[in-house]
Amino acid sequence: MSRKEKLEKYEVTYIVRPNIDEEAVDKVSATVDEFIKNLGGNIELTEKKGRRRLAYEVKKMRDGYYVYSVFTIKTDQVAAIKRMMTLSEDIIRFLIVVFEESQTPVMA
């Protein structure tokens, strides 16, 4: 099995633009989860962390809705997830990293 075919556990935190309502944030979250599933991934956890103030202005926005997810997927599919999030008008920032079991959640 090559490295590209290996299933790896990842975590992603993404920020949804603040000028949409709670229902639209749920829709964005469901869209991301569905996209990952369609690529052959498995969602283990998705938590909405709520609206928070950003450390600095992003695309002229001072706050956003934070969403945190843990999922497993083949390593070569991560690029497709990054591309989808980059192209999304609703997601203003995201960070995908390999999940390490010993660490505590970023936003506990």
C-alpha atoms as a PDB file:
ATOM      1  CA  MET A   1       0.000   0.000   0.000  1.00  0.00           C
ATOM      2  CA  SER A   2       1.506   3.336  -1.029  1.00  0.00           C
ATOM      3  CA  ARG A   3       1.386   6.443   1.106  1.00  0.00           C
ATOM      4  CA  LYS A   4      -1.354   7.949  -1.073  1.00  0.00           C
ATOM      5  CA  GLU A   5      -3.654   4.991  -0.410  1.00  0.00           C
ATOM      6  CA  LYS A   6      -3.178   5.092   3.357  1.00  0.00           C
ATOM      7  CA  LEU A   7      -6.158   6.089   5.488  1.00  0.00           C
ATOM      8  CA  GLU A   8      -5.169   8.877   7.832  1.00  0.00           C
ATOM      9  CA  LYS A   9      -7.097  10.700  10.548  1.00  0.00           C
ATOM     10  CA  TYR A  10      -7.306  14.491  10.125  1.00  0.00           C
ATOM     11  CA  GLU A  11      -8.860  17.395  11.931  1.00  0.00           C
ATOM     12  CA  VAL A  12     -10.054  20.582  10.320  1.00  0.00           C
ATOM     13  CA  THR A  13     -11.114  23.877  11.830  1.00  0.00           C
ATOM     14  CA  TYR A  14     -12.818  26.266   9.471  1.00  0.00           C
ATOM     15  CA  ILE A  15     -14.363  29.692   9.865  1.00  0.00           C
ATOM     16  CA  VAL A  16     -17.671  30.451   8.179  1.00  0.00           C
ATOM     17  CA  ARG A  17     -18.418  34.074   7.297  1.00  0.00           C
ATOM     18  CA  PRO A  18     -20.414  35.848  10.006  1.00  0.00           C
ATOM     19  CA  ASN A  19     -23.056  37.528   7.841  1.00  0.00           C
ATOM     20  CA  ILE A  20     -25.130  34.346   7.444  1.00  0.00           C
ATOM     21  CA  ASP A  21     -27.611  32.867   9.912  1.00  0.00           C
ATOM     22  CA  GLU A  22     -27.266  29.751  12.080  1.00  0.00           C
ATOM     23  CA  GLU A  23     -29.231  27.621   9.609  1.00  0.00           C
ATOM     24  CA  ALA A  24     -26.831  28.569   6.785  1.00  0.00           C
ATOM     25  CA  VAL A  25     -23.852  27.625   8.997  1.00  0.00           C
ATOM     26  CA  ASP A  26     -25.460  24.190   9.502  1.00  0.00           C
ATOM     27  CA  LYS A  27     -25.860  23.913   5.722  1.00  0.00           C
ATOM     28  CA  VAL A  28     -22.174  24.772   5.115  1.00  0.00           C
ATOM     29  CA  SER A  29     -21.139  22.210   7.745  1.00  0.00           C
ATOM     30  CA  ALA A  30     -23.371  19.544   6.173  1.00  0.00           C
ATOM     31  CA  THR A  31     -21.949  20.363   2.720  1.00  0.00           C
ATOM     32  CA  VAL A  32     -18.367  19.917   3.956  1.00  0.00           C
ATOM     33  CA  ASP A  33     -19.252  16.620   5.696  1.00  0.00           C
ATOM     34  CA  GLU A  34     -21.043  15.345   2.581  1.00  0.00           C
ATOM     35  CA  PHE A  35     -18.096  16.317   0.361  1.00  0.00           C
ATOM     36  CA  ILE A  36     -15.695  14.361   2.577  1.00  0.00           C
ATOM     37  CA  LYS A  37     -18.025  11.325   2.560  1.00  0.00           C
ATOM     38  CA  ASN A  38     -18.296  11.480  -1.246  1.00  0.00           C
ATOM     39  CA  LEU A  39     -14.487  11.281  -1.452  1.00  0.00           C
ATOM     40  CA  GLY A  40     -14.573   8.059   0.576  1.00  0.00           C
ATOM     41  CA  GLY A  41     -13.944   9.653   3.956  1.00  0.00           C
ATOM     42  CA  ASN A  42     -15.573   8.971   7.296  1.00  0.00           C
ATOM     43  CA  ILE A  43     -16.683  11.806   9.590  1.00  0.00           C
ATOM     44  CA  GLU A  44     -16.028  10.979  13.245  1.00  0.00           C
ATOM     45  CA  LEU A  45     -16.972  14.300  14.821  1.00  0.00           C
ATOM     46  CA  THR A  46     -18.319  17.692  13.776  1.00  0.00           C
ATOM     47  CA  GLU A  47     -18.834  20.421  16.374  1.00  0.00           C
ATOM     48  CA  LYS A  48     -20.006  23.971  15.904  1.00  0.00           C
ATOM     49  CA  LYS A  49     -17.935  26.127  18.236  1.00  0.00           C
ATOM     50  CA  GLY A  50     -20.016  29.258  17.768  1.00  0.00           C
ATOM     51  CA  ARG A  51     -19.375  32.811  16.692  1.00  0.00           C
ATOM     52  CA  ARG A  52     -16.062  34.246  17.859  1.00  0.00           C
ATOM     53  CA  ARG A  53     -14.014  37.356  17.323  1.00  0.00           C
ATOM     54  CA  LEU A  54     -11.054  36.875  14.956  1.00  0.00           C
ATOM     55  CA  ALA A  55      -7.526  37.811  16.021  1.00  0.00           C
ATOM     56  CA  TYR A  56      -7.247  39.975  12.903  1.00  0.00           C
ATOM     57  CA  GLU A  57      -9.488  41.071  10.063  1.00  0.00           C
ATOM     58  CA  VAL A  58     -10.024  38.458   7.321  1.00  0.00           C
ATOM     59  CA  LYS A  59     -11.651  39.606   4.071  1.00  0.00           C
ATOM     60  CA  LYS A  60     -12.950  42.701   5.918  1.00  0.00           C
ATOM     61  CA  MET A  61     -14.639  40.531   8.587  1.00  0.00           C
ATOM     62  CA  ARG A  62     -13.908  40.800  12.311  1.00  0.00           C
ATOM     63  CA  ASP A  63     -15.640  37.604  13.502  1.00  0.00           C
ATOM     64  CA  GLY A  64     -16.896  34.258  12.199  1.00  0.00           C
ATOM     65  CA  TYR A  65     -18.515  30.936  13.047  1.00  0.00           C
ATOM     66  CA  TYR A  66     -15.977  28.261  13.980  1.00  0.00           C
ATOM     67  CA  VAL A  67     -16.594  24.624  13.040  1.00  0.00           C
ATOM     68  CA  TYR A  68     -14.335  21.716  14.073  1.00  0.00           C
ATOM     69  CA  SER A  69     -14.347  18.253  12.457  1.00  0.00           C
ATOM     70  CA  VAL A  70     -12.375  15.019  12.780  1.00  0.00           C
ATOM     71  CA  PHE A  71     -12.390  12.611   9.839  1.00  0.00           C
ATOM     72  CA  THR A  72     -10.473   9.760   8.205  1.00  0.00           C
ATOM     73  CA  ILE A  73      -9.672   9.769   4.499  1.00  0.00           C
ATOM     74  CA  LYS A  74      -7.004   8.643   2.040  1.00  0.00           C
ATOM     75  CA  THR A  75      -4.107  11.100   2.087  1.00  0.00           C
ATOM     76  CA  ASP A  76      -4.372  11.890  -1.633  1.00  0.00           C
ATOM     77  CA  GLN A  77      -7.941  13.201  -1.149  1.00  0.00           C
ATOM     78  CA  VAL A  78      -6.933  16.010   1.239  1.00  0.00           C
ATOM     79  CA  ALA A  79      -5.981  18.278  -1.675  1.00  0.00           C
ATOM     80  CA  ALA A  80      -9.551  18.028  -3.022  1.00  0.00           C
ATOM     81  CA  ILE A  81     -10.945  19.074   0.382  1.00  0.00           C
ATOM     82  CA  LYS A  82      -8.552  22.040   0.539  1.00  0.00           C
ATOM     83  CA  ARG A  83      -9.579  23.099  -2.965  1.00  0.00           C
ATOM     84  CA  MET A  84     -13.294  22.879  -2.123  1.00  0.00           C
ATOM     85  CA  MET A  85     -12.815  24.983   1.018  1.00  0.00           C
ATOM     86  CA  THR A  86     -10.688  27.538  -0.836  1.00  0.00           C
ATOM     87  CA  LEU A  87     -13.354  27.930  -3.533  1.00  0.00           C
ATOM     88  CA  SER A  88     -16.255  28.143  -1.065  1.00  0.00           C
ATOM     89  CA  GLU A  89     -17.650  31.651  -0.676  1.00  0.00           C
ATOM     90  CA  ASP A  90     -18.869  30.852   2.841  1.00  0.00           C
ATOM     91  CA  ILE A  91     -15.573  29.576   4.317  1.00  0.00           C
ATOM     92  CA  ILE A  92     -13.145  32.432   4.989  1.00  0.00           C
ATOM     93  CA  ARG A  93     -10.311  30.410   6.606  1.00  0.00           C
ATOM     94  CA  PHE A  94      -9.498  26.761   7.315  1.00  0.00           C
ATOM     95  CA  LEU A  95      -6.708  24.587   8.660  1.00  0.00           C
ATOM     96  CA  ILE A  96      -6.399  20.835   8.069  1.00  0.00           C
ATOM     97  CA  VAL A  97      -3.832  18.893  10.117  1.00  0.00           C
ATOM     98  CA  VAL A  98      -3.116  15.244  10.881  1.00  0.00           C
ATOM     99  CA  PHE A  99      -4.962  14.256  14.057  1.00  0.00           C
ATOM    100  CA  GLU A 100      -2.782  12.940  16.846  1.00  0.00           C
ATOM    101  CA  GLU A 101      -4.555  10.816  19.444  1.00  0.00           C
ATOM    102  CA  SER A 102      -2.591  12.126  22.428  1.00  0.00           C
ATOM    103  CA  GLN A 103      -3.453  15.754  21.855  1.00  0.00           C
ATOM    104  CA  THR A 104      -6.418  17.530  23.359  1.00  0.00           C
ATOM    105  CA  PRO A 105      -8.907  19.305  21.061  1.00  0.00           C
ATOM    106  CA  VAL A 106      -7.760  22.732  19.916  1.00  0.00           C
ATOM    107  CA  MET A 107     -10.921  24.488  21.144  1.00  0.00           C
ATOM    108  CA  ALA A 108     -12.047  22.537  24.162  1.00  0.00           C
END
